[in-house]
């Protein structure tokens, strides 16, 4: 009753969650970068 079968079952779930987190971060990063460039372009400060 050490739960040896539970470990392999947890891995896919963790990978799935990690995928969602990475995807969300990538989308957020892209959104922020797009906004930054959209705001920087008209101002021409750079």
C-alpha atoms as a PDB file:
ATOM      1  CA  UNK A   1       0.000   0.000   0.000  1.00  0.00           C
ATOM      2  CA  UNK A   2       2.740   2.408  -0.893  1.00  0.00           C
ATOM      3  CA  UNK A   3       0.726   3.890  -3.747  1.00  0.00           C
ATOM      4  CA  UNK A   4       3.191   2.792  -6.423  1.00  0.00           C
ATOM      5  CA  UNK A   5       0.410   2.908  -8.979  1.00  0.00           C
ATOM      6  CA  UNK A   6      -0.491   6.432  -7.948  1.00  0.00           C
ATOM      7  CA  UNK A   7       2.804   7.972  -8.968  1.00  0.00           C
ATOM      8  CA  UNK A   8       2.568   7.171 -12.705  1.00  0.00           C
ATOM      9  CA  UNK A   9      -1.016   8.458 -12.662  1.00  0.00           C
ATOM     10  CA  UNK A  10       0.076  11.801 -11.235  1.00  0.00           C
ATOM     11  CA  UNK A  11       2.781  12.478 -13.816  1.00  0.00           C
ATOM     12  CA  UNK A  12       0.451  13.052 -16.801  1.00  0.00           C
ATOM     13  CA  UNK A  13      -1.719  15.360 -14.718  1.00  0.00           C
ATOM     14  CA  UNK A  14       1.276  17.401 -13.638  1.00  0.00           C
ATOM     15  CA  UNK A  15       2.525  17.608 -17.224  1.00  0.00           C
ATOM     16  CA  UNK A  16      -0.936  18.710 -18.349  1.00  0.00           C
ATOM     17  CA  UNK A  17      -1.065  21.427 -15.705  1.00  0.00           C
ATOM     18  CA  UNK A  18       2.456  22.534 -16.603  1.00  0.00           C
ATOM     19  CA  UNK A  19       1.372  22.756 -20.239  1.00  0.00           C
ATOM     20  CA  UNK A  20      -1.545  24.986 -19.332  1.00  0.00           C
ATOM     21  CA  UNK A  21       0.665  27.177 -17.141  1.00  0.00           C
ATOM     22  CA  UNK A  22       3.344  27.493 -19.833  1.00  0.00           C
ATOM     23  CA  UNK A  23       0.709  28.214 -22.469  1.00  0.00           C
ATOM     24  CA  UNK A  24      -0.902  30.861 -20.293  1.00  0.00           C
ATOM     25  CA  UNK A  25       2.443  32.495 -19.536  1.00  0.00           C
ATOM     26  CA  UNK A  26       3.375  32.479 -23.221  1.00  0.00           C
ATOM     27  CA  UNK A  27       0.059  34.085 -24.148  1.00  0.00           C
ATOM     28  CA  UNK A  28       0.454  36.677 -21.391  1.00  0.00           C
ATOM     29  CA  UNK A  29       4.041  37.414 -22.425  1.00  0.00           C
ATOM     30  CA  UNK A  30       3.024  37.760 -26.084  1.00  0.00           C
ATOM     31  CA  UNK A  31       0.152  40.047 -25.068  1.00  0.00           C
ATOM     32  CA  UNK A  32       2.429  42.233 -22.948  1.00  0.00           C
ATOM     33  CA  UNK A  33       5.110  42.406 -25.659  1.00  0.00           C
ATOM     34  CA  UNK A  34       2.498  43.254 -28.290  1.00  0.00           C
ATOM     35  CA  UNK A  35       1.090  46.007 -26.084  1.00  0.00           C
ATOM     36  CA  UNK A  36       4.574  47.313 -25.310  1.00  0.00           C
ATOM     37  CA  UNK A  37       5.432  47.536 -29.013  1.00  0.00           C
ATOM     38  CA  UNK A  38       2.016  48.979 -29.840  1.00  0.00           C
ATOM     39  CA  UNK A  39       2.564  51.717 -27.239  1.00  0.00           C
ATOM     40  CA  UNK A  40       6.241  52.283 -28.076  1.00  0.00           C
ATOM     41  CA  UNK A  41       5.762  52.623 -31.848  1.00  0.00           C
ATOM     42  CA  UNK A  42       3.526  55.744 -31.856  1.00  0.00           C
ATOM     43  CA  UNK A  43       5.543  57.452 -29.130  1.00  0.00           C
ATOM     44  CA  UNK A  44       8.870  56.758 -30.857  1.00  0.00           C
ATOM     45  CA  UNK A  45      10.712  57.163 -27.541  1.00  0.00           C
ATOM     46  CA  UNK A  46      12.915  54.019 -27.601  1.00  0.00           C
END
